[in-house]
Amino acid sequence: MSKLSISEAAKLKGVSTSTLRRWET
């Protein structure tokens, strides 16, 4: 998943940065 996709999903779902970091790792 690209960072852009993660950022978009984060905004839509409203997840915290911590969750995004987990997906990136």
Protein backbone atom coordinates (compact mmCIF):
# COMPACT_ATOMS: atom_id res chain seq x y z
CA MET A 1 0.00 0.00 0.00
CA SER A 2 1.44 3.37 -0.97
CA LYS A 3 1.87 6.14 1.56
CA LEU A 4 -0.65 8.22 -0.36
CA SER A 5 -3.23 5.46 -0.08
CA ILE A 6 -2.55 5.16 3.64
CA SER A 7 -2.90 8.91 4.11
CA GLU A 8 -6.17 8.94 2.21
CA ALA A 9 -7.53 5.97 4.14
CA ALA A 10 -6.41 7.62 7.37
CA LYS A 11 -8.36 10.77 6.55
CA LEU A 12 -11.44 8.79 5.52
CA LYS A 13 -11.37 6.47 8.52
CA GLY A 14 -9.85 9.07 10.81
CA VAL A 15 -7.24 6.71 12.22
CA SER A 16 -4.39 7.99 14.35
CA THR A 17 -0.80 8.27 13.15
CA SER A 18 0.14 5.33 15.36
CA THR A 19 -2.06 3.04 13.30
CA LEU A 20 -0.52 4.34 10.09
CA ARG A 21 2.95 3.58 11.42
CA ARG A 22 1.87 -0.01 12.08
CA TRP A 23 0.73 -0.41 8.47
CA GLU A 24 4.01 1.03 7.19
CA THR A 25 6.18 -1.32 9.24
